[in-house]
Amino acid sequence: MEKLVIEGGRPLSGAIKIHGAKNAALPILAAGMMAEGTFSILNVPDLSDIQVMLSILRALGCRTEHQGDTVTVNSSTAQSYHIPESQMSQMRSSIFLMGPLLARFGRVQVYQPGGCAIGERKIDLHLRGLAALGATIEETGGNTIICTAKELIGAEIALDFPSVGATENIMMAAAMAKGMTTISNAAREPEIQDLQNFLNAMGAQIIGAGTDTITIEGVSVLTPCTYRIIPDRIVAGTLMIAAAVTRGNITLENVCPAHLTSAIHVLKRAGVQITINGDIMNVSCLARSKSIERIITSPYPAFPTDLQSQIMVLLSLADGLSILKETVFEGRFKHVAELARMGADIRVDWNSAFIRGVPRLYGATVEATDLRAGAALVIAGLAAQGTTIIEQIHHIDRGYDRIEHMLSSLGANILRTTPVPTE
């Protein structure tokens, strides 16, 4: 298995362009299935999750091409509505294809999706929403799920929780349903706004994304288009925190500051200096960061759960005691044990972490337990004294386009190593 080897102690400096958002690209690639023909998505990063999605599209009969940061998909040859179980087990986001395939073929067969082990992530809200649009849901032996619908009919749907995935799946199915659909208590993430903009560019009639109520007037036909996705706010946030942890000074280009309001607010409370000029952001922190009395993760626009593990590294080196409460995923503190191996002083009580800042962290061999936990360990390694070796880095590759190249360009001493096979 490949590993990352980091020699810590170097402040990050320089400029870097933020790549496109994984969490925007995946549902948009799925949504393109609803229009027969060739569509192109620009600003797409080269991530393992993207490659899995493209392999699923090919299994459904599409022709795909990924050159540079442009993905082109010809969906006119798609014939299958059955997503292979082996591919669904690799990535939770494969569930996004339920709505588009149901809208196009009137039938879809899927399995319980895989992905990071960060807690219970049921798909009942997805299924309940599709059922409200007229789909019949059949859960057979094992984990097979078959949805069928002769016709999708608009409906008023109230979500029990503002689930991003459920909101997006319902949006896509409703885009070609007969009549009007209203989603109440919808998720408000920027990636949902990006999906709305893409669907509308293909001819859909959707308003309200970014608020808690989304209204969709169904149309009978969608037309392929070319579309550029938004920058990845979590990658940007990760690099902002990395700059602060290493007491560096970096400039982020192709960033959307409006998508990072909560992260910017938290980092400023910790003493980080942030200046913004359009889509360019400068982040610097030349002294030890301050502790923060309380941070609570919640759905957008609150502080994102996808930056919880990374900000914990900053708090681990801050001056004083901080409290971090995780309200989205109950299994998202697995990185705590790994940070403790590096000298962090963290105590977990149910869904809260009590973090007492220490003067320094020390290099160690640690394991990435999920995507964002892996990013946190990379940040810790950048700041630690000595050498840090991170194992199971396939998790990191799901969301960061060659993270070692990104950080090396900012002056970090980080290498990816591949073990030599033994006979």
Protein backbone atom coordinates (compact mmCIF):
# COMPACT_ATOMS: atom_id res chain seq x y z
CA MET A 1 0.00 0.00 0.00
CA GLU A 2 1.18 3.52 -0.77
CA LYS A 3 2.13 5.83 2.08
CA LEU A 4 2.80 9.51 2.62
CA VAL A 5 6.06 10.44 4.33
CA ILE A 6 6.25 13.94 5.78
CA GLU A 7 9.16 15.80 7.34
CA GLY A 8 7.46 18.41 9.50
CA GLY A 9 8.41 21.85 10.64
CA ARG A 10 8.22 23.84 7.40
CA PRO A 11 5.82 26.81 7.20
CA LEU A 12 3.72 26.68 4.05
CA SER A 13 4.20 29.57 1.63
CA GLY A 14 3.29 30.42 -1.94
CA ALA A 15 0.17 30.36 -4.10
CA ILE A 16 -2.06 27.50 -5.23
CA LYS A 17 -5.19 27.16 -7.36
CA ILE A 18 -8.10 25.29 -5.77
CA HIS A 19 -9.45 22.44 -7.88
CA GLY A 20 -13.10 21.72 -8.58
CA ALA A 21 -15.45 20.41 -5.93
CA LYS A 22 -15.77 16.64 -5.66
CA ASN A 23 -19.16 16.99 -3.98
CA ALA A 24 -20.41 19.07 -6.89
CA ALA A 25 -18.88 16.95 -9.67
CA LEU A 26 -20.34 13.62 -8.53
CA PRO A 27 -24.06 14.51 -8.52
CA ILE A 28 -23.61 16.61 -11.68
CA LEU A 29 -22.05 13.64 -13.49
CA ALA A 30 -25.02 11.56 -12.34
CA ALA A 31 -27.51 14.21 -13.45
CA GLY A 32 -26.02 14.27 -16.95
CA MET A 33 -27.46 10.78 -17.44
CA MET A 34 -30.92 12.36 -17.69
CA ALA A 35 -30.14 14.01 -21.03
CA GLU A 36 -29.39 11.78 -24.00
CA GLY A 37 -26.29 12.98 -25.83
CA THR A 38 -22.84 14.32 -24.97
CA PHE A 39 -22.19 16.65 -22.05
CA SER A 40 -18.91 18.11 -20.76
CA ILE A 41 -18.02 19.09 -17.21
CA LEU A 42 -15.07 21.45 -16.66
CA ASN A 43 -12.86 21.93 -13.59
CA VAL A 44 -13.18 18.25 -12.58
CA PRO A 45 -10.37 17.00 -10.29
CA ASP A 46 -8.58 13.68 -10.80
CA LEU A 47 -9.84 11.80 -7.75
CA SER A 48 -10.47 8.13 -7.10
CA ASP A 49 -14.16 8.90 -6.43
CA ILE A 50 -14.43 10.57 -9.85
CA GLN A 51 -12.86 7.52 -11.50
CA VAL A 52 -15.31 5.21 -9.71
CA MET A 53 -18.24 7.33 -10.91
CA LEU A 54 -16.94 7.24 -14.49
CA SER A 55 -16.50 3.47 -14.30
CA ILE A 56 -20.13 3.17 -13.16
CA LEU A 57 -21.28 5.34 -16.06
CA ARG A 58 -19.37 3.07 -18.45
CA ALA A 59 -20.97 0.00 -16.85
CA LEU A 60 -24.34 1.60 -17.61
CA GLY A 61 -23.34 1.90 -21.28
CA CYS A 62 -22.01 5.48 -21.44
CA ARG A 63 -18.79 6.49 -23.17
CA THR A 64 -16.53 8.67 -21.01
CA GLU A 65 -13.32 10.64 -21.44
CA HIS A 66 -11.28 12.50 -18.81
CA GLN A 67 -8.62 14.80 -20.24
CA GLY A 68 -7.00 17.38 -17.99
CA ASP A 69 -9.78 18.83 -15.87
CA THR A 70 -12.53 18.15 -18.44
CA VAL A 71 -14.83 15.13 -18.34
CA THR A 72 -16.92 14.33 -21.42
CA VAL A 73 -19.73 11.78 -21.25
CA ASN A 74 -21.88 10.42 -24.09
CA SER A 75 -24.99 9.08 -22.37
CA SER A 76 -26.93 8.30 -25.55
CA THR A 77 -25.62 4.70 -25.51
CA ALA A 78 -26.69 4.04 -21.91
CA GLN A 79 -28.98 1.05 -21.65
CA SER A 80 -28.56 -0.44 -18.19
CA TYR A 81 -30.30 0.68 -15.00
CA HIS A 82 -28.33 -1.76 -12.82
CA ILE A 83 -25.35 -0.31 -10.91
CA PRO A 84 -22.85 -3.12 -10.15
CA GLU A 85 -22.58 -3.92 -6.45
CA SER A 86 -18.78 -4.02 -6.59
CA GLN A 87 -18.67 -0.39 -7.67
CA MET A 88 -21.38 0.84 -5.31
CA SER A 89 -19.44 -0.63 -2.39
CA GLN A 90 -16.50 1.64 -3.25
CA MET A 91 -18.31 4.96 -3.04
CA ARG A 92 -21.39 6.23 -1.25
CA SER A 93 -21.97 8.92 -3.89
CA SER A 94 -23.01 6.24 -6.36
CA ILE A 95 -26.43 6.55 -4.73
CA PHE A 96 -26.84 9.83 -6.66
CA LEU A 97 -27.65 7.78 -9.76
CA MET A 98 -30.97 6.56 -8.32
CA GLY A 99 -32.92 9.69 -9.22
CA PRO A 100 -31.48 10.14 -12.73
CA LEU A 101 -31.86 6.47 -13.72
CA LEU A 102 -35.39 6.34 -12.36
CA ALA A 103 -36.26 9.48 -14.34
CA ARG A 104 -34.73 8.15 -17.57
CA PHE A 105 -35.55 4.43 -17.51
CA GLY A 106 -38.36 4.18 -14.97
CA ARG A 107 -36.32 1.61 -13.08
CA VAL A 108 -33.09 1.41 -11.11
CA GLN A 109 -31.37 -1.38 -9.20
CA VAL A 110 -28.81 -0.43 -6.58
CA TYR A 111 -27.23 -1.72 -3.39
CA GLN A 112 -26.48 -0.16 -0.05
CA PRO A 113 -23.56 2.18 -0.87
CA GLY A 114 -20.06 2.13 0.59
CA GLY A 115 -17.73 5.01 1.45
CA CYS A 116 -16.03 6.35 4.56
CA ALA A 117 -16.89 4.67 7.87
CA ILE A 118 -17.82 7.85 9.73
CA GLY A 119 -21.09 6.77 11.28
CA GLU A 120 -24.59 5.73 10.34
CA ARG A 121 -25.58 7.14 6.95
CA LYS A 122 -28.94 5.64 6.04
CA ILE A 123 -30.53 6.24 2.66
CA ASP A 124 -34.10 6.12 3.96
CA LEU A 125 -34.64 9.82 3.16
CA HIS A 126 -33.61 9.15 -0.45
CA LEU A 127 -36.05 6.24 -0.73
CA ARG A 128 -38.88 8.07 1.02
CA GLY A 129 -38.48 11.05 -1.31
CA LEU A 130 -38.50 8.90 -4.45
CA ALA A 131 -41.53 7.01 -3.14
CA ALA A 132 -43.33 10.33 -2.66
CA LEU A 133 -42.75 11.00 -6.37
CA GLY A 134 -44.50 7.73 -7.22
CA ALA A 135 -41.70 5.17 -7.17
CA THR A 136 -42.26 1.68 -5.84
CA ILE A 137 -39.41 0.58 -3.58
CA GLU A 138 -38.56 -3.11 -3.23
CA GLU A 139 -35.82 -4.20 -0.87
CA THR A 140 -34.93 -7.81 -1.61
CA GLY A 141 -32.72 -10.28 0.22
CA GLY A 142 -29.28 -9.02 1.09
CA ASN A 143 -28.86 -5.31 0.36
CA THR A 144 -30.48 -5.05 -3.09
CA ILE A 145 -32.86 -2.14 -3.71
CA ILE A 146 -35.09 -1.93 -6.80
CA CYS A 147 -37.07 1.22 -7.59
CA THR A 148 -39.66 1.35 -10.37
CA ALA A 149 -42.02 4.03 -11.63
CA LYS A 150 -44.19 4.10 -14.75
CA GLU A 151 -44.45 7.85 -14.22
CA LEU A 152 -43.00 10.25 -11.66
CA ILE A 153 -45.49 12.76 -10.28
CA GLY A 154 -44.57 16.00 -8.49
CA ALA A 155 -45.22 16.10 -4.76
CA GLU A 156 -44.65 18.10 -1.59
CA ILE A 157 -41.78 16.48 0.28
CA ALA A 158 -40.62 17.48 3.77
CA LEU A 159 -37.25 16.06 4.83
CA ASP A 160 -36.80 15.05 8.47
CA PHE A 161 -33.16 16.17 8.20
CA PRO A 162 -31.57 18.48 5.60
CA SER A 163 -29.68 15.64 3.90
CA VAL A 164 -27.51 16.78 1.00
CA GLY A 165 -27.74 13.47 -0.86
CA ALA A 166 -31.49 13.11 -0.42
CA THR A 167 -32.10 16.70 -1.49
CA GLU A 168 -30.05 16.18 -4.64
CA ASN A 169 -31.57 12.80 -5.53
CA ILE A 170 -35.10 14.17 -5.18
CA MET A 171 -34.18 17.28 -7.20
CA MET A 172 -32.88 15.17 -10.08
CA ALA A 173 -35.86 12.81 -10.17
CA ALA A 174 -38.34 15.68 -9.84
CA ALA A 175 -36.69 17.61 -12.69
CA MET A 176 -38.42 15.22 -15.13
CA ALA A 177 -41.51 14.42 -13.04
CA LYS A 178 -44.96 15.54 -14.12
CA GLY A 179 -46.03 18.69 -12.31
CA MET A 180 -44.62 20.64 -9.36
CA THR A 181 -42.39 19.34 -6.57
CA THR A 182 -41.53 21.22 -3.39
CA ILE A 183 -38.74 20.07 -1.07
CA SER A 184 -39.03 21.53 2.43
CA ASN A 185 -36.18 21.48 4.97
CA ALA A 186 -33.85 21.03 2.00
CA ALA A 187 -30.08 21.07 2.47
CA ARG A 188 -28.54 24.45 1.57
CA GLU A 189 -24.98 23.53 0.57
CA PRO A 190 -23.29 25.36 -2.35
CA GLU A 191 -22.99 22.04 -4.17
CA ILE A 192 -26.80 21.87 -4.30
CA GLN A 193 -26.88 25.32 -5.87
CA ASP A 194 -24.33 24.08 -8.43
CA LEU A 195 -26.51 21.08 -9.24
CA GLN A 196 -29.53 23.35 -9.69
CA ASN A 197 -27.53 25.57 -12.07
CA PHE A 198 -26.39 22.56 -14.10
CA LEU A 199 -29.89 21.08 -14.34
CA ASN A 200 -31.29 24.47 -15.37
CA ALA A 201 -28.56 24.78 -18.00
CA MET A 202 -29.93 21.52 -19.45
CA GLY A 203 -33.48 22.92 -19.47
CA ALA A 204 -34.83 22.11 -16.00
CA GLN A 205 -36.96 24.62 -14.09
CA ILE A 206 -35.71 24.73 -10.51
CA ILE A 207 -35.57 27.60 -8.02
CA GLY A 208 -34.67 27.89 -4.36
CA ALA A 209 -31.39 25.96 -4.06
CA GLY A 210 -29.38 27.57 -1.27
CA THR A 211 -32.56 28.06 0.80
CA ASP A 212 -34.53 25.51 2.81
CA THR A 213 -37.29 25.30 0.17
CA ILE A 214 -36.63 24.13 -3.39
CA THR A 215 -39.32 24.19 -6.07
CA ILE A 216 -39.08 22.08 -9.23
CA GLU A 217 -41.41 22.33 -12.22
CA GLY A 218 -40.95 19.08 -14.10
CA VAL A 219 -40.02 19.08 -17.80
CA SER A 220 -40.24 16.27 -20.34
CA VAL A 221 -36.81 16.64 -21.95
CA LEU A 222 -33.35 17.78 -20.86
CA THR A 223 -30.60 18.77 -23.31
CA PRO A 224 -26.87 18.10 -22.75
CA CYS A 225 -24.63 21.11 -22.08
CA THR A 226 -21.11 22.18 -21.09
CA TYR A 227 -20.76 23.31 -17.49
CA ARG A 228 -17.98 24.43 -15.12
CA ILE A 229 -18.25 23.30 -11.49
CA ILE A 230 -17.49 25.40 -8.42
CA PRO A 231 -14.18 25.31 -6.50
CA ASP A 232 -13.87 22.79 -3.67
CA ARG A 233 -14.56 24.63 -0.41
CA ILE A 234 -13.33 21.73 1.73
CA VAL A 235 -9.98 21.57 -0.09
CA ALA A 236 -9.71 25.34 0.36
CA GLY A 237 -10.57 25.05 4.06
CA THR A 238 -8.05 22.25 4.51
CA LEU A 239 -5.26 24.37 3.01
CA MET A 240 -6.30 27.39 5.10
CA ILE A 241 -5.96 25.30 8.25
CA ALA A 242 -2.66 23.81 7.05
CA ALA A 243 -1.27 27.32 6.61
CA ALA A 244 -2.37 28.27 10.11
CA VAL A 245 -1.02 25.09 11.72
CA THR A 246 2.41 25.48 10.11
CA ARG A 247 2.47 29.23 10.84
CA GLY A 248 2.71 29.89 7.15
CA ASN A 249 1.50 32.42 4.61
CA ILE A 250 -0.29 31.18 1.49
CA THR A 251 -2.49 32.55 -1.27
CA LEU A 252 -5.46 30.55 -2.53
CA GLU A 253 -6.69 31.19 -6.07
CA ASN A 254 -10.00 30.11 -7.64
CA VAL A 255 -11.75 30.10 -4.28
CA CYS A 256 -15.30 31.17 -3.39
CA PRO A 257 -15.06 33.00 -0.02
CA ALA A 258 -18.86 33.10 0.34
CA HIS A 259 -18.83 29.30 0.65
CA LEU A 260 -16.30 29.48 3.51
CA THR A 261 -17.94 32.06 5.79
CA SER A 262 -18.11 29.81 8.85
CA ALA A 263 -14.56 28.50 8.41
CA ILE A 264 -13.23 32.03 7.97
CA HIS A 265 -15.04 33.15 11.12
CA VAL A 266 -13.62 30.27 13.18
CA LEU A 267 -10.07 30.75 11.91
CA LYS A 268 -10.18 34.47 12.64
CA ARG A 269 -11.28 33.66 16.20
CA ALA A 270 -8.16 31.50 16.44
CA GLY A 271 -5.99 34.45 15.45
CA VAL A 272 -5.49 33.63 11.76
CA GLN A 273 -5.14 36.59 9.40
CA ILE A 274 -7.32 36.33 6.28
CA THR A 275 -7.66 38.86 3.48
CA ILE A 276 -9.96 38.46 0.47
CA ASN A 277 -9.83 40.00 -2.98
CA GLY A 278 -12.47 38.51 -5.26
CA ASP A 279 -11.67 34.82 -5.75
CA ILE A 280 -8.20 35.19 -4.18
CA MET A 281 -7.62 34.67 -0.48
CA ASN A 282 -4.46 35.18 1.59
CA VAL A 283 -4.10 33.18 4.81
CA SER A 284 -1.32 33.70 7.35
CA CYS A 285 -0.67 32.87 10.98
CA LEU A 286 2.78 33.76 12.26
CA ALA A 287 2.16 33.05 15.97
CA ARG A 288 0.59 30.29 18.05
CA SER A 289 -3.15 30.11 17.48
CA LYS A 290 -5.72 30.84 20.17
CA SER A 291 -8.05 28.24 21.65
CA ILE A 292 -11.75 28.44 20.77
CA GLU A 293 -14.30 27.96 23.53
CA ARG A 294 -16.77 25.99 21.40
CA ILE A 295 -17.22 24.88 17.78
CA ILE A 296 -20.31 22.94 16.73
CA THR A 297 -20.54 21.19 13.37
CA SER A 298 -23.92 21.42 11.64
CA PRO A 299 -25.32 21.47 8.12
CA TYR A 300 -24.41 24.44 5.91
CA PRO A 301 -24.03 27.35 6.51
CA ALA A 302 -22.71 26.31 9.93
CA PHE A 303 -19.20 24.94 10.44
CA PRO A 304 -18.86 21.87 8.18
CA THR A 305 -18.33 18.38 9.54
CA ASP A 306 -15.90 17.87 6.65
CA LEU A 307 -13.49 20.34 8.32
CA GLN A 308 -13.94 19.07 11.87
CA SER A 309 -10.92 16.76 11.95
CA GLN A 310 -8.68 19.36 10.31
CA ILE A 311 -9.60 22.18 12.71
CA MET A 312 -8.96 19.77 15.58
CA VAL A 313 -5.28 19.73 14.60
CA LEU A 314 -5.12 23.52 14.89
CA LEU A 315 -6.83 23.40 18.28
CA SER A 316 -4.40 20.67 19.39
CA LEU A 317 -1.60 23.21 19.04
CA ALA A 318 -3.56 26.25 20.27
CA ASP A 319 -2.98 28.07 23.54
CA GLY A 320 -5.66 26.81 25.93
CA LEU A 321 -8.69 24.50 26.05
CA SER A 322 -11.12 24.15 23.15
CA ILE A 323 -14.36 22.19 22.82
CA LEU A 324 -15.49 20.71 19.50
CA LYS A 325 -18.96 19.17 19.21
CA GLU A 326 -19.82 16.90 16.26
CA THR A 327 -23.56 16.79 15.49
CA VAL A 328 -23.63 15.32 11.96
CA PHE A 329 -21.78 11.96 12.06
CA GLU A 330 -21.40 10.06 15.30
CA GLY A 331 -18.37 8.11 14.08
CA ARG A 332 -16.19 11.04 13.14
CA PHE A 333 -13.68 11.05 16.00
CA LYS A 334 -11.61 8.08 14.85
CA HIS A 335 -8.69 10.39 14.08
CA VAL A 336 -8.40 11.32 17.76
CA ALA A 337 -6.47 8.15 18.63
CA GLU A 338 -4.07 8.81 15.75
CA LEU A 339 -3.50 12.42 16.81
CA ALA A 340 -2.87 11.19 20.36
CA ARG A 341 -0.04 9.05 18.97
CA MET A 342 1.52 12.30 17.81
CA GLY A 343 1.22 13.90 21.25
CA ALA A 344 -2.17 15.63 21.09
CA ASP A 345 -4.13 15.98 24.36
CA ILE A 346 -7.74 15.21 23.45
CA ARG A 347 -10.53 13.66 25.50
CA VAL A 348 -13.75 12.51 23.85
CA ASP A 349 -17.07 12.37 25.68
CA TRP A 350 -19.84 11.08 23.44
CA ASN A 351 -20.04 13.63 20.60
CA SER A 352 -17.76 16.28 22.10
CA ALA A 353 -13.97 16.52 22.07
CA PHE A 354 -12.12 18.47 24.73
CA ILE A 355 -8.81 19.61 23.30
CA ARG A 356 -6.02 21.03 25.44
CA GLY A 357 -3.36 22.62 23.27
CA VAL A 358 0.18 21.28 23.49
CA PRO A 359 3.41 23.10 22.49
CA ARG A 360 4.19 20.67 19.68
CA LEU A 361 3.30 17.40 17.98
CA TYR A 362 5.76 14.64 17.16
CA GLY A 363 6.12 12.53 14.04
CA ALA A 364 4.67 9.01 14.19
CA THR A 365 3.29 6.26 11.98
CA VAL A 366 -0.47 6.78 11.78
CA GLU A 367 -3.40 5.51 9.73
CA ALA A 368 -5.98 7.46 7.73
CA THR A 369 -9.32 6.05 8.87
CA ASP A 370 -11.39 8.11 6.41
CA LEU A 371 -11.01 10.92 3.88
CA ARG A 372 -11.05 13.97 6.16
CA ALA A 373 -9.26 12.19 9.01
CA GLY A 374 -6.47 11.48 6.54
CA ALA A 375 -6.30 15.17 5.62
CA ALA A 376 -6.06 16.04 9.31
CA LEU A 377 -3.14 13.67 9.79
CA VAL A 378 -1.36 15.24 6.83
CA ILE A 379 -1.78 18.66 8.45
CA ALA A 380 -0.51 17.29 11.76
CA GLY A 381 2.49 15.80 10.01
CA LEU A 382 3.30 19.14 8.39
CA ALA A 383 3.51 20.77 11.81
CA ALA A 384 5.05 17.89 13.77
CA GLN A 385 8.63 17.59 14.85
CA GLY A 386 10.29 14.72 12.96
CA THR A 387 8.94 12.25 10.41
CA THR A 388 5.29 11.26 10.03
CA ILE A 389 4.23 8.24 7.96
CA ILE A 390 0.58 8.03 6.96
CA GLU A 391 -0.86 4.69 5.89
CA GLN A 392 -4.15 3.83 4.13
CA ILE A 393 -3.88 6.97 2.02
CA HIS A 394 -6.36 5.68 -0.55
CA HIS A 395 -8.93 7.43 1.64
CA ILE A 396 -7.20 10.78 1.04
CA ASP A 397 -7.11 10.23 -2.72
CA ARG A 398 -10.91 10.20 -2.73
CA GLY A 399 -11.07 13.96 -2.15
CA TYR A 400 -7.68 15.59 -2.80
CA ASP A 401 -6.07 15.66 -6.24
CA ARG A 402 -2.50 14.46 -5.50
CA ILE A 403 -2.28 16.09 -2.09
CA GLU A 404 1.49 15.62 -1.99
CA HIS A 405 1.87 17.74 -5.15
CA MET A 406 -0.41 20.44 -3.75
CA LEU A 407 1.58 20.73 -0.54
CA SER A 408 5.01 20.35 -2.15
CA SER A 409 4.20 23.36 -4.31
CA LEU A 410 3.76 25.31 -1.05
CA GLY A 411 7.13 24.20 0.33
CA ALA A 412 6.16 21.10 2.31
CA ASN A 413 8.52 18.12 2.49
CA ILE A 414 6.07 15.36 1.59
CA LEU A 415 6.50 12.29 -0.59
CA ARG A 416 4.32 9.39 -1.71
CA THR A 417 6.07 6.06 -1.43
CA THR A 418 5.12 2.82 -3.14
CA PRO A 419 6.40 -0.42 -1.55
CA VAL A 420 8.63 -2.54 -3.74
CA PRO A 421 6.99 -5.95 -4.34
CA THR A 422 8.80 -8.86 -2.71
CA GLU A 423 9.13 -12.23 -4.37
